[in-house]
Amino acid sequence: MNYGKFSSLYTPLSNNEIESIHVASMNVLENTGFKLDNQRALKLFHEKGAIVDFNNNIVRATEQWIMEYLKKAPARVVLYGIDQKNTMVVEANRVFFGTGGTALNIHDWQTGQRRPTVTEDIGEIARLVDALPNIDWYCLPVYPNDRTKQEADVVRFYHGLKNTGKHVMGGIYGNKNGVKDLIKLVQMIAGGKEELRKKPIVSVICSTISPLKLETHYVDFIFDLVEAGIPVATSCAPIAGATSPITLAGTIVQVNAEAICGILITQVINEGAPVLYSTVPTTADMRTMDFLFGPVENGIMNAACAQMASFYNLPMYSTGGVTESKLFDVQNGAEKCMNNLLPAMAGAQLIHNAAGLIDSSMTVVLEQYVLDDEILGMVRRVIDGIRINTETLAVDEISAVGPGGNYLASEHTVRNMRNELFMPKTAVRANYAAWVRDGSLGSVAQARLIAEKVLDNNRTKYLPDTVEAEIAEHFPELRINKKIT
């Protein structure tokens, strides 16, 4: 079991400000409400006691009713990996990092050019992520452009589950039958319906539409997923100044209300259904109105959302690690570092998009996964803090070495150096002469060598032959297609 890293080091909101956000969100949900274009769900909300305007498809509710249903949602969600050591226990202030993005392009290191992503990329990235120690789960990061929309969902999840022992999460893009096919596929891999309920090896993202709307097809998906016992992230991605207020506080009020809407729909379907408080607050460039993922304000808002999730005692799906940069440059490193560090310090859980993405989440780069894994290692070191105990205070050690001595050969140094200091693999730390002697390689070149080595050697087989044969019989479309250019 992986319980994550506990953190509450950064608190952009005071307790009074958290209460103000809560009160404002309750006001929005009671007086403005949210639009729900799904008659089945509207009738269910009405039966459960919410205020439903059937003429305009609007649901409203009192704070008392909302809080009653929020309390029905579990405070802890366990997300399983096929390899049980990768199972994550997700609860307040426990930090995990994952991939994500549904990028449409990949920087192909064989040609040096950007090309559309295809089925084979899903498995290749999964094998790389499987070996990177600071990435906790595999949020499916690319869309298979060589597939139809109806095939995409089962293709993505199958090639993810086949190539990593970590928990697999992803969005869905097909029709209702595609979701049913996905559920059937995952049940086959898990060992049956009840095994999947007991140990969900996947979770699914069903996005809401900002501002304050749940689209009918995604609501149908949520019904199917909840009934199958699959955890759901109902992510909402308002854009400050475009689909939410320009002020950070106003966007947090709205994204909090939207995250609550997603939880409510799962709980009226089935009380206690596993669900995540899911937020992706973003901004726009006020000069061009282009969507932005990398600004520091996004990191601040994600940290504030982590505080709101803790306020409601709910497990969380959060966001970090994205950049608008198209290159391996200073902007890339700065935006990724800040947008992973701030929510992690605030105790955000399941920080997706934390690795591999550039270009506003539109492109993945294999070397970037390795570089970001190193950034995440540094972030983990920050939230680990400074251990204070008799061993680390080292009074006896200082006395033993005495004035003018050194600690290089000390047993105390050997005993503590690996768990006290973060040791990066790609950062250049050698002196200039040694760096030149070893080939003058920068961190990007080192990351590529690491990625190539992993992909050459990590051929772990996660699905038994019998399961593969059963899947092949039911889903012949799961073959690998040729790459497209």
Protein backbone atom coordinates (compact mmCIF):
# COMPACT_ATOMS: atom_id res chain seq x y z
CA MET A 1 0.00 0.00 0.00
CA ASN A 2 1.15 3.52 -0.81
CA TYR A 3 -0.20 6.11 1.63
CA GLY A 4 1.43 9.05 -0.15
CA LYS A 5 3.30 11.91 1.46
CA PHE A 6 1.47 13.94 4.12
CA SER A 7 1.75 17.68 3.56
CA SER A 8 0.07 20.88 4.70
CA LEU A 9 3.04 23.25 4.42
CA TYR A 10 1.41 25.86 2.18
CA THR A 11 -1.97 27.40 3.02
CA PRO A 12 -2.95 30.26 0.68
CA LEU A 13 -6.37 30.43 2.40
CA SER A 14 -6.89 31.22 6.08
CA ASN A 15 -9.61 29.36 7.98
CA ASN A 16 -11.90 32.37 7.64
CA GLU A 17 -11.24 32.52 3.89
CA ILE A 18 -12.02 28.80 3.52
CA GLU A 19 -15.34 29.46 5.24
CA SER A 20 -15.97 32.43 2.91
CA ILE A 21 -15.36 30.25 -0.17
CA HIS A 22 -17.70 27.60 1.25
CA VAL A 23 -20.50 30.08 1.98
CA ALA A 24 -20.18 31.66 -1.47
CA SER A 25 -20.28 28.25 -3.20
CA MET A 26 -23.36 27.24 -1.22
CA ASN A 27 -24.99 30.51 -2.29
CA VAL A 28 -24.26 29.67 -5.94
CA LEU A 29 -25.66 26.15 -5.63
CA GLU A 30 -28.81 27.25 -3.83
CA ASN A 31 -29.65 30.33 -5.92
CA THR A 32 -28.02 29.79 -9.32
CA GLY A 33 -27.86 26.01 -9.36
CA PHE A 34 -26.31 23.82 -12.04
CA LYS A 35 -27.62 22.70 -15.42
CA LEU A 36 -28.21 18.99 -15.87
CA ASP A 37 -29.39 17.96 -19.34
CA ASN A 38 -30.30 14.43 -18.32
CA GLN A 39 -33.89 13.51 -17.43
CA ARG A 40 -32.92 10.35 -15.54
CA ALA A 41 -30.63 12.35 -13.26
CA LEU A 42 -33.09 15.22 -12.84
CA LYS A 43 -35.79 12.81 -11.67
CA LEU A 44 -33.34 11.19 -9.26
CA PHE A 45 -32.35 14.55 -7.73
CA HIS A 46 -36.04 15.40 -7.37
CA GLU A 47 -36.78 12.09 -5.64
CA LYS A 48 -33.87 12.67 -3.24
CA GLY A 49 -35.14 16.11 -2.17
CA ALA A 50 -33.21 18.62 -4.27
CA ILE A 51 -35.00 21.55 -5.93
CA VAL A 52 -35.41 20.71 -9.64
CA ASP A 53 -36.60 23.07 -12.38
CA PHE A 54 -37.62 20.58 -15.09
CA ASN A 55 -38.42 23.34 -17.59
CA ASN A 56 -34.86 24.67 -17.59
CA ASN A 57 -33.04 21.51 -16.40
CA ILE A 58 -31.63 23.30 -13.36
CA VAL A 59 -30.89 21.66 -9.99
CA ARG A 60 -30.64 23.73 -6.81
CA ALA A 61 -30.22 22.63 -3.21
CA THR A 62 -29.91 24.04 0.28
CA GLU A 63 -26.66 23.95 2.16
CA GLN A 64 -28.15 21.44 4.61
CA TRP A 65 -29.10 19.05 1.78
CA ILE A 66 -25.73 19.46 0.04
CA MET A 67 -23.72 18.80 3.19
CA GLU A 68 -25.85 15.75 3.98
CA TYR A 69 -24.95 14.21 0.61
CA LEU A 70 -21.30 15.28 0.73
CA LYS A 71 -20.98 13.37 3.99
CA LYS A 72 -22.20 10.22 2.22
CA ALA A 73 -19.15 10.31 -0.06
CA PRO A 74 -16.19 8.31 1.30
CA ALA A 75 -13.35 10.23 2.93
CA ARG A 76 -10.90 7.62 1.63
CA VAL A 77 -10.73 6.01 -1.80
CA VAL A 78 -8.36 3.12 -2.48
CA LEU A 79 -7.08 2.90 -6.06
CA TYR A 80 -5.47 -0.44 -6.86
CA GLY A 81 -2.65 -1.32 -9.21
CA ILE A 82 -2.38 -4.69 -10.92
CA ASP A 83 0.86 -4.87 -8.94
CA GLN A 84 -0.50 -4.49 -5.39
CA LYS A 85 2.55 -2.56 -4.18
CA ASN A 86 1.30 0.36 -6.31
CA THR A 87 -2.09 0.57 -4.59
CA MET A 88 -2.80 4.14 -3.40
CA VAL A 89 -4.80 5.09 -0.31
CA VAL A 90 -6.18 8.51 -1.23
CA GLU A 91 -7.35 10.76 1.60
CA ALA A 92 -6.94 14.33 2.84
CA ASN A 93 -3.44 15.84 2.61
CA ARG A 94 -1.81 12.70 1.13
CA VAL A 95 0.16 13.61 -1.99
CA PHE A 96 0.48 11.44 -5.11
CA PHE A 97 1.75 12.34 -8.58
CA GLY A 98 0.50 11.02 -11.91
CA THR A 99 0.65 11.60 -15.63
CA GLY A 100 -2.27 12.78 -17.76
CA GLY A 101 -3.25 15.06 -20.57
CA THR A 102 -4.84 13.17 -23.48
CA ALA A 103 -2.24 14.84 -25.72
CA LEU A 104 -2.72 14.60 -29.47
CA ASN A 105 0.99 14.80 -30.33
CA ILE A 106 4.32 13.33 -29.30
CA HIS A 107 7.83 14.59 -29.91
CA ASP A 108 9.34 11.61 -31.74
CA TRP A 109 12.97 11.33 -30.70
CA GLN A 110 13.75 9.14 -33.70
CA THR A 111 12.92 11.93 -36.17
CA GLY A 112 13.19 14.98 -33.93
CA GLN A 113 9.73 16.04 -35.13
CA ARG A 114 6.28 16.28 -33.59
CA ARG A 115 3.77 13.73 -34.90
CA PRO A 116 0.24 12.56 -33.99
CA THR A 117 0.05 10.05 -31.13
CA VAL A 118 -1.00 6.47 -31.91
CA THR A 119 -1.89 3.28 -30.06
CA GLU A 120 1.71 2.11 -29.68
CA ASP A 121 2.62 5.30 -27.79
CA ILE A 122 0.17 4.42 -24.98
CA GLY A 123 2.01 1.21 -24.13
CA GLU A 124 5.47 2.67 -24.61
CA ILE A 125 4.81 5.57 -22.24
CA ALA A 126 3.23 3.13 -19.76
CA ARG A 127 6.40 1.00 -19.74
CA LEU A 128 8.51 4.11 -19.10
CA VAL A 129 6.25 5.43 -16.31
CA ASP A 130 6.15 1.95 -14.77
CA ALA A 131 9.86 2.29 -13.95
CA LEU A 132 9.91 5.91 -12.73
CA PRO A 133 9.80 5.95 -8.92
CA ASN A 134 8.22 9.36 -8.30
CA ILE A 135 5.20 8.85 -10.60
CA ASP A 136 2.56 7.00 -8.60
CA TRP A 137 -0.12 6.22 -11.19
CA TYR A 138 -0.69 6.22 -14.94
CA CYS A 139 -3.28 8.73 -16.07
CA LEU A 140 -3.61 7.91 -19.77
CA PRO A 141 -1.65 10.72 -21.44
CA VAL A 142 -2.32 10.42 -25.17
CA TYR A 143 -5.16 9.90 -27.62
CA PRO A 144 -4.76 7.20 -30.31
CA ASN A 145 -5.25 9.14 -33.53
CA ASP A 146 -5.12 5.87 -35.47
CA ARG A 147 -8.43 4.74 -33.89
CA THR A 148 -12.08 5.57 -34.25
CA LYS A 149 -13.81 7.39 -31.40
CA GLN A 150 -15.72 4.19 -30.60
CA GLU A 151 -12.48 2.17 -30.27
CA ALA A 152 -10.44 4.74 -28.37
CA ASP A 153 -11.63 4.04 -24.82
CA VAL A 154 -10.97 0.29 -24.69
CA VAL A 155 -7.74 0.71 -26.66
CA ARG A 156 -6.35 3.30 -24.24
CA PHE A 157 -7.19 1.42 -21.06
CA TYR A 158 -6.10 -1.97 -22.40
CA HIS A 159 -2.65 -0.81 -23.51
CA GLY A 160 -2.22 1.06 -20.23
CA LEU A 161 -3.16 -1.93 -18.05
CA LYS A 162 -1.05 -4.27 -20.17
CA ASN A 163 2.13 -2.26 -19.71
CA THR A 164 2.15 -0.95 -16.14
CA GLY A 165 1.45 -2.35 -12.69
CA LYS A 166 0.39 1.10 -11.50
CA HIS A 167 -3.21 2.26 -11.20
CA VAL A 168 -4.65 3.42 -14.54
CA MET A 169 -6.95 6.43 -14.87
CA GLY A 170 -8.35 8.05 -17.98
CA GLY A 171 -11.10 10.03 -19.59
CA ILE A 172 -13.68 8.55 -21.94
CA TYR A 173 -14.55 9.76 -25.43
CA GLY A 174 -16.78 7.15 -27.07
CA ASN A 175 -20.48 6.49 -26.99
CA LYS A 176 -22.45 4.69 -24.26
CA ASN A 177 -21.67 1.27 -25.75
CA GLY A 178 -17.99 2.19 -25.64
CA VAL A 179 -18.24 2.76 -21.89
CA LYS A 180 -19.98 -0.57 -21.42
CA ASP A 181 -17.20 -2.21 -23.45
CA LEU A 182 -14.62 -0.50 -21.24
CA ILE A 183 -16.33 -1.78 -18.09
CA LYS A 184 -16.44 -5.30 -19.55
CA LEU A 185 -12.75 -5.14 -20.47
CA VAL A 186 -11.69 -4.03 -17.00
CA GLN A 187 -13.88 -6.66 -15.32
CA MET A 188 -12.17 -9.35 -17.41
CA ILE A 189 -8.73 -8.10 -16.35
CA ALA A 190 -9.73 -7.71 -12.69
CA GLY A 191 -11.18 -11.23 -12.48
CA GLY A 192 -14.89 -10.45 -12.56
CA LYS A 193 -17.48 -7.87 -11.52
CA GLU A 194 -17.10 -8.37 -7.79
CA GLU A 195 -13.29 -8.40 -7.91
CA LEU A 196 -13.36 -5.06 -9.70
CA ARG A 197 -15.73 -3.65 -7.07
CA LYS A 198 -13.41 -4.81 -4.28
CA LYS A 199 -10.19 -3.73 -5.99
CA PRO A 200 -10.75 -1.10 -8.69
CA ILE A 201 -7.67 -1.15 -10.93
CA VAL A 202 -8.97 1.79 -12.97
CA SER A 203 -10.73 5.08 -12.33
CA VAL A 204 -12.45 7.24 -14.91
CA ILE A 205 -12.61 10.98 -15.55
CA CYS A 206 -16.04 12.36 -16.53
CA SER A 207 -15.63 16.08 -17.03
CA THR A 208 -18.17 18.74 -16.17
CA ILE A 209 -18.53 21.83 -18.37
CA SER A 210 -17.77 25.24 -16.92
CA PRO A 211 -19.68 27.15 -15.90
CA LEU A 212 -21.94 24.86 -13.85
CA LYS A 213 -23.11 22.27 -16.35
CA LEU A 214 -23.11 18.46 -16.56
CA GLU A 215 -23.51 17.17 -20.12
CA THR A 216 -26.04 14.38 -20.65
CA HIS A 217 -23.68 11.77 -22.14
CA TYR A 218 -21.17 12.14 -19.32
CA VAL A 219 -23.96 11.78 -16.78
CA ASP A 220 -24.98 8.52 -18.48
CA PHE A 221 -21.34 7.40 -18.23
CA ILE A 222 -21.35 8.22 -14.50
CA PHE A 223 -24.45 6.06 -13.97
CA ASP A 224 -22.70 3.08 -15.61
CA LEU A 225 -19.40 3.62 -13.80
CA VAL A 226 -20.98 4.06 -10.36
CA GLU A 227 -23.07 0.94 -10.84
CA ALA A 228 -19.90 -0.97 -11.76
CA GLY A 229 -18.09 0.30 -8.64
CA ILE A 230 -15.44 2.21 -10.61
CA PRO A 231 -14.17 5.40 -8.90
CA VAL A 232 -15.02 8.60 -10.75
CA ALA A 233 -13.29 11.98 -11.06
CA THR A 234 -15.79 14.59 -12.25
CA SER A 235 -13.15 17.14 -13.22
CA CYS A 236 -14.05 20.76 -13.88
CA ALA A 237 -11.69 23.12 -15.69
CA PRO A 238 -12.93 26.72 -15.56
CA ILE A 239 -10.78 29.32 -17.33
CA ALA A 240 -10.46 32.50 -15.24
CA GLY A 241 -11.67 35.43 -17.31
CA ALA A 242 -13.42 33.19 -19.87
CA THR A 243 -15.58 30.49 -18.26
CA SER A 244 -15.18 31.66 -14.67
CA PRO A 245 -14.57 35.02 -12.95
CA ILE A 246 -11.20 36.69 -13.60
CA THR A 247 -10.45 36.84 -9.87
CA LEU A 248 -8.78 33.81 -8.32
CA ALA A 249 -11.27 33.87 -5.45
CA GLY A 250 -14.23 33.89 -7.86
CA THR A 251 -12.81 31.01 -9.88
CA ILE A 252 -12.24 29.02 -6.69
CA VAL A 253 -15.87 29.64 -5.63
CA GLN A 254 -17.07 28.34 -8.99
CA VAL A 255 -14.70 25.37 -9.27
CA ASN A 256 -15.59 24.38 -5.71
CA ALA A 257 -19.30 24.48 -6.59
CA GLU A 258 -18.65 22.45 -9.75
CA ALA A 259 -16.58 19.86 -7.88
CA ILE A 260 -19.41 19.51 -5.36
CA CYS A 261 -21.94 19.03 -8.21
CA GLY A 262 -19.90 16.08 -9.47
CA ILE A 263 -19.86 14.47 -6.05
CA LEU A 264 -23.60 14.99 -5.59
CA ILE A 265 -24.50 13.20 -8.82
CA THR A 266 -22.54 10.09 -7.75
CA GLN A 267 -24.07 10.05 -4.29
CA VAL A 268 -27.69 10.35 -5.43
CA ILE A 269 -27.00 7.41 -7.75
CA ASN A 270 -25.41 5.31 -5.01
CA GLU A 271 -24.61 6.57 -1.52
CA GLY A 272 -20.99 5.85 -0.66
CA ALA A 273 -19.87 5.51 -4.30
CA PRO A 274 -16.12 6.18 -4.65
CA VAL A 275 -15.64 9.66 -6.07
CA LEU A 276 -12.96 12.34 -6.06
CA TYR A 277 -13.31 16.07 -5.42
CA SER A 278 -11.93 17.02 -8.84
CA THR A 279 -10.55 20.42 -9.84
CA VAL A 280 -8.54 21.78 -12.78
CA PRO A 281 -8.63 25.57 -12.32
CA THR A 282 -6.93 27.43 -15.18
CA THR A 283 -6.44 30.91 -16.59
CA ALA A 284 -6.37 32.69 -19.95
CA ASP A 285 -3.85 35.08 -21.46
CA MET A 286 -5.73 38.38 -21.27
CA ARG A 287 -3.72 39.68 -24.26
CA THR A 288 -4.80 36.91 -26.65
CA MET A 289 -7.48 34.93 -24.73
CA ASP A 290 -5.42 31.77 -25.28
CA PHE A 291 -5.98 29.03 -22.69
CA LEU A 292 -3.09 28.70 -20.21
CA PHE A 293 -2.04 25.73 -18.08
CA GLY A 294 1.33 26.89 -16.75
CA PRO A 295 0.87 30.21 -14.89
CA VAL A 296 1.81 30.35 -11.24
CA GLU A 297 -1.79 31.40 -10.46
CA ASN A 298 -2.93 27.92 -11.46
CA GLY A 299 -0.62 26.45 -8.84
CA ILE A 300 -1.99 28.84 -6.22
CA MET A 301 -5.59 27.91 -7.08
CA ASN A 302 -4.81 24.19 -7.00
CA ALA A 303 -3.31 24.67 -3.55
CA ALA A 304 -6.43 26.51 -2.41
CA CYS A 305 -8.62 23.72 -3.82
CA ALA A 306 -6.58 21.23 -1.77
CA GLN A 307 -7.58 23.18 1.33
CA MET A 308 -11.23 23.05 0.27
CA ALA A 309 -11.05 19.27 -0.27
CA SER A 310 -9.62 18.91 3.24
CA PHE A 311 -12.37 21.17 4.61
CA TYR A 312 -14.98 18.72 3.26
CA ASN A 313 -12.80 15.71 4.21
CA LEU A 314 -12.86 14.39 0.65
CA PRO A 315 -10.19 12.66 -1.45
CA MET A 316 -9.02 14.84 -4.31
CA TYR A 317 -8.04 14.81 -7.98
CA SER A 318 -5.80 17.81 -8.59
CA THR A 319 -3.54 19.30 -11.26
CA GLY A 320 0.08 20.35 -11.66
CA GLY A 321 3.18 20.12 -13.81
CA VAL A 322 1.99 21.62 -17.09
CA THR A 323 3.75 24.27 -19.15
CA GLU A 324 3.03 26.35 -22.22
CA SER A 325 6.67 25.92 -23.29
CA LYS A 326 7.35 24.05 -26.51
CA LEU A 327 10.98 23.34 -25.59
CA PHE A 328 13.32 22.11 -22.86
CA ASP A 329 13.93 25.61 -21.55
CA VAL A 330 13.83 27.77 -18.42
CA GLN A 331 10.08 28.40 -18.82
CA ASN A 332 9.50 24.64 -18.96
CA GLY A 333 11.35 23.96 -15.70
CA ALA A 334 10.03 26.97 -13.83
CA GLU A 335 6.35 26.40 -14.66
CA LYS A 336 6.55 22.68 -13.99
CA CYS A 337 8.33 23.12 -10.69
CA MET A 338 5.99 25.81 -9.35
CA ASN A 339 2.80 24.06 -10.46
CA ASN A 340 3.83 20.76 -8.89
CA LEU A 341 5.36 22.26 -5.75
CA LEU A 342 2.50 24.55 -4.66
CA PRO A 343 -0.35 21.99 -4.65
CA ALA A 344 1.95 19.33 -3.19
CA MET A 345 2.93 21.62 -0.32
CA ALA A 346 -0.78 22.25 0.29
CA GLY A 347 -1.51 18.52 0.50
CA ALA A 348 -3.29 18.09 -2.85
CA GLN A 349 -3.84 14.44 -3.71
CA LEU A 350 -3.66 12.72 -7.10
CA ILE A 351 -1.86 15.58 -8.83
CA HIS A 352 -2.37 14.60 -12.46
CA ASN A 353 -0.52 16.11 -15.46
CA ALA A 354 2.53 16.15 -13.19
CA ALA A 355 4.85 14.60 -15.78
CA GLY A 356 5.54 14.33 -19.49
CA LEU A 357 3.56 17.23 -20.96
CA ILE A 358 4.57 20.40 -22.78
CA ASP A 359 2.71 22.79 -25.11
CA SER A 360 -0.35 23.41 -22.90
CA SER A 361 -0.88 19.64 -22.49
CA MET A 362 -1.06 19.09 -26.26
CA THR A 363 2.28 17.24 -26.64
CA VAL A 364 4.14 14.56 -24.70
CA VAL A 365 7.90 13.97 -24.71
CA LEU A 366 9.53 10.77 -23.47
CA GLU A 367 12.57 12.58 -22.06
CA GLN A 368 10.23 14.95 -20.24
CA TYR A 369 8.81 12.08 -18.18
CA VAL A 370 12.29 11.39 -16.83
CA LEU A 371 13.03 15.07 -16.18
CA ASP A 372 9.68 15.57 -14.46
CA ASP A 373 10.18 12.45 -12.36
CA GLU A 374 13.30 14.19 -11.06
CA ILE A 375 11.39 17.40 -10.35
CA LEU A 376 8.82 15.32 -8.45
CA GLY A 377 11.63 13.73 -6.46
CA MET A 378 12.75 17.20 -5.39
CA VAL A 379 9.18 18.18 -4.52
CA ARG A 380 8.86 15.05 -2.37
CA ARG A 381 12.09 16.05 -0.64
CA VAL A 382 10.59 19.46 0.16
CA ILE A 383 7.45 18.00 1.71
CA ASP A 384 9.50 15.44 3.62
CA GLY A 385 10.97 18.39 5.51
CA ILE A 386 13.72 18.06 8.11
CA ARG A 387 13.74 15.03 10.39
CA ILE A 388 14.42 15.96 14.00
CA ASN A 389 15.44 13.16 16.35
CA THR A 390 18.48 12.02 18.32
CA GLU A 391 20.05 10.43 15.24
CA THR A 392 19.62 13.46 12.98
CA LEU A 393 20.60 16.07 15.57
CA ALA A 394 23.95 14.20 15.66
CA VAL A 395 25.27 15.66 18.93
CA ASP A 396 27.33 12.54 19.70
CA GLU A 397 28.67 12.54 16.14
CA ILE A 398 29.72 16.18 16.34
CA SER A 399 31.48 15.48 19.64
CA ALA A 400 33.22 12.38 18.26
CA VAL A 401 34.60 14.20 15.20
CA GLY A 402 35.54 17.29 17.20
CA PRO A 403 37.04 20.58 16.05
CA GLY A 404 38.98 20.38 12.79
CA GLY A 405 37.77 16.86 11.88
CA ASN A 406 35.58 15.69 8.99
CA TYR A 407 32.62 13.42 8.51
CA LEU A 408 33.50 11.75 5.19
CA ALA A 409 34.32 8.31 6.57
CA SER A 410 31.81 8.43 9.41
CA GLU A 411 29.36 5.56 9.87
CA HIS A 412 26.74 8.22 10.60
CA THR A 413 27.30 9.71 7.13
CA VAL A 414 27.04 6.33 5.41
CA ARG A 415 23.96 5.44 7.43
CA ASN A 416 22.04 8.61 6.55
CA MET A 417 23.30 9.95 3.21
CA ARG A 418 20.83 8.07 0.99
CA ASN A 419 17.70 9.03 2.92
CA GLU A 420 18.79 12.55 3.86
CA LEU A 421 19.88 13.94 0.50
CA PHE A 422 18.03 13.76 -2.81
CA MET A 423 20.35 12.41 -5.50
CA PRO A 424 19.26 13.35 -9.02
CA LYS A 425 20.21 11.24 -12.04
CA THR A 426 19.92 13.81 -14.82
CA ALA A 427 21.19 17.01 -13.18
CA VAL A 428 24.76 18.02 -14.06
CA ARG A 429 26.76 18.21 -10.83
CA ALA A 430 30.27 17.29 -11.98
CA ASN A 431 32.96 19.95 -12.32
CA TYR A 432 33.60 21.30 -15.80
CA ALA A 433 36.61 19.11 -16.61
CA ALA A 434 34.79 15.93 -15.55
CA TRP A 435 31.68 16.98 -17.47
CA VAL A 436 33.69 17.47 -20.69
CA ARG A 437 35.52 14.17 -20.18
CA ASP A 438 32.19 12.31 -19.86
CA GLY A 439 30.78 13.70 -23.11
CA SER A 440 29.44 17.16 -22.18
CA LEU A 441 25.92 15.80 -21.74
CA GLY A 442 23.19 18.04 -20.37
CA SER A 443 20.17 16.94 -18.36
CA VAL A 444 17.99 16.39 -21.44
CA ALA A 445 20.55 14.06 -23.01
CA GLN A 446 20.88 12.18 -19.70
CA ALA A 447 17.09 11.86 -19.52
CA ARG A 448 16.98 10.40 -23.01
CA LEU A 449 19.63 7.80 -22.12
CA ILE A 450 17.60 6.80 -19.05
CA ALA A 451 14.39 6.57 -21.06
CA GLU A 452 16.05 4.48 -23.77
CA LYS A 453 17.46 2.10 -21.17
CA VAL A 454 14.07 1.67 -19.49
CA LEU A 455 12.30 0.99 -22.77
CA ASP A 456 14.99 -1.50 -23.83
CA ASN A 457 14.76 -3.41 -20.56
CA ASN A 458 11.30 -3.03 -18.99
CA ARG A 459 9.25 -5.78 -20.63
CA THR A 460 7.24 -6.75 -17.56
CA LYS A 461 4.13 -8.75 -18.50
CA TYR A 462 1.13 -7.70 -16.40
CA LEU A 463 -1.69 -9.63 -18.06
CA PRO A 464 -1.68 -13.48 -17.99
CA ASP A 465 -1.86 -15.30 -21.32
CA THR A 466 -5.31 -16.67 -20.48
CA VAL A 467 -6.66 -13.16 -19.88
CA GLU A 468 -4.99 -11.89 -23.07
CA ALA A 469 -6.64 -14.71 -25.06
CA GLU A 470 -10.07 -13.94 -23.61
CA ILE A 471 -9.67 -10.24 -24.34
CA ALA A 472 -8.50 -10.93 -27.91
CA GLU A 473 -11.65 -12.98 -28.54
CA HIS A 474 -13.97 -10.25 -27.31
CA PHE A 475 -12.02 -7.19 -28.52
CA PRO A 476 -10.18 -7.90 -31.81
CA GLU A 477 -9.77 -4.16 -32.36
CA LEU A 478 -7.08 -4.05 -29.64
CA ARG A 479 -4.27 -4.92 -32.04
CA ILE A 480 -1.48 -2.36 -32.46
CA ASN A 481 -1.92 -0.22 -35.55
CA LYS A 482 0.93 1.26 -37.58
CA LYS A 483 2.25 4.69 -36.65
CA ILE A 484 0.97 7.63 -38.65
CA THR A 485 2.90 10.73 -39.60
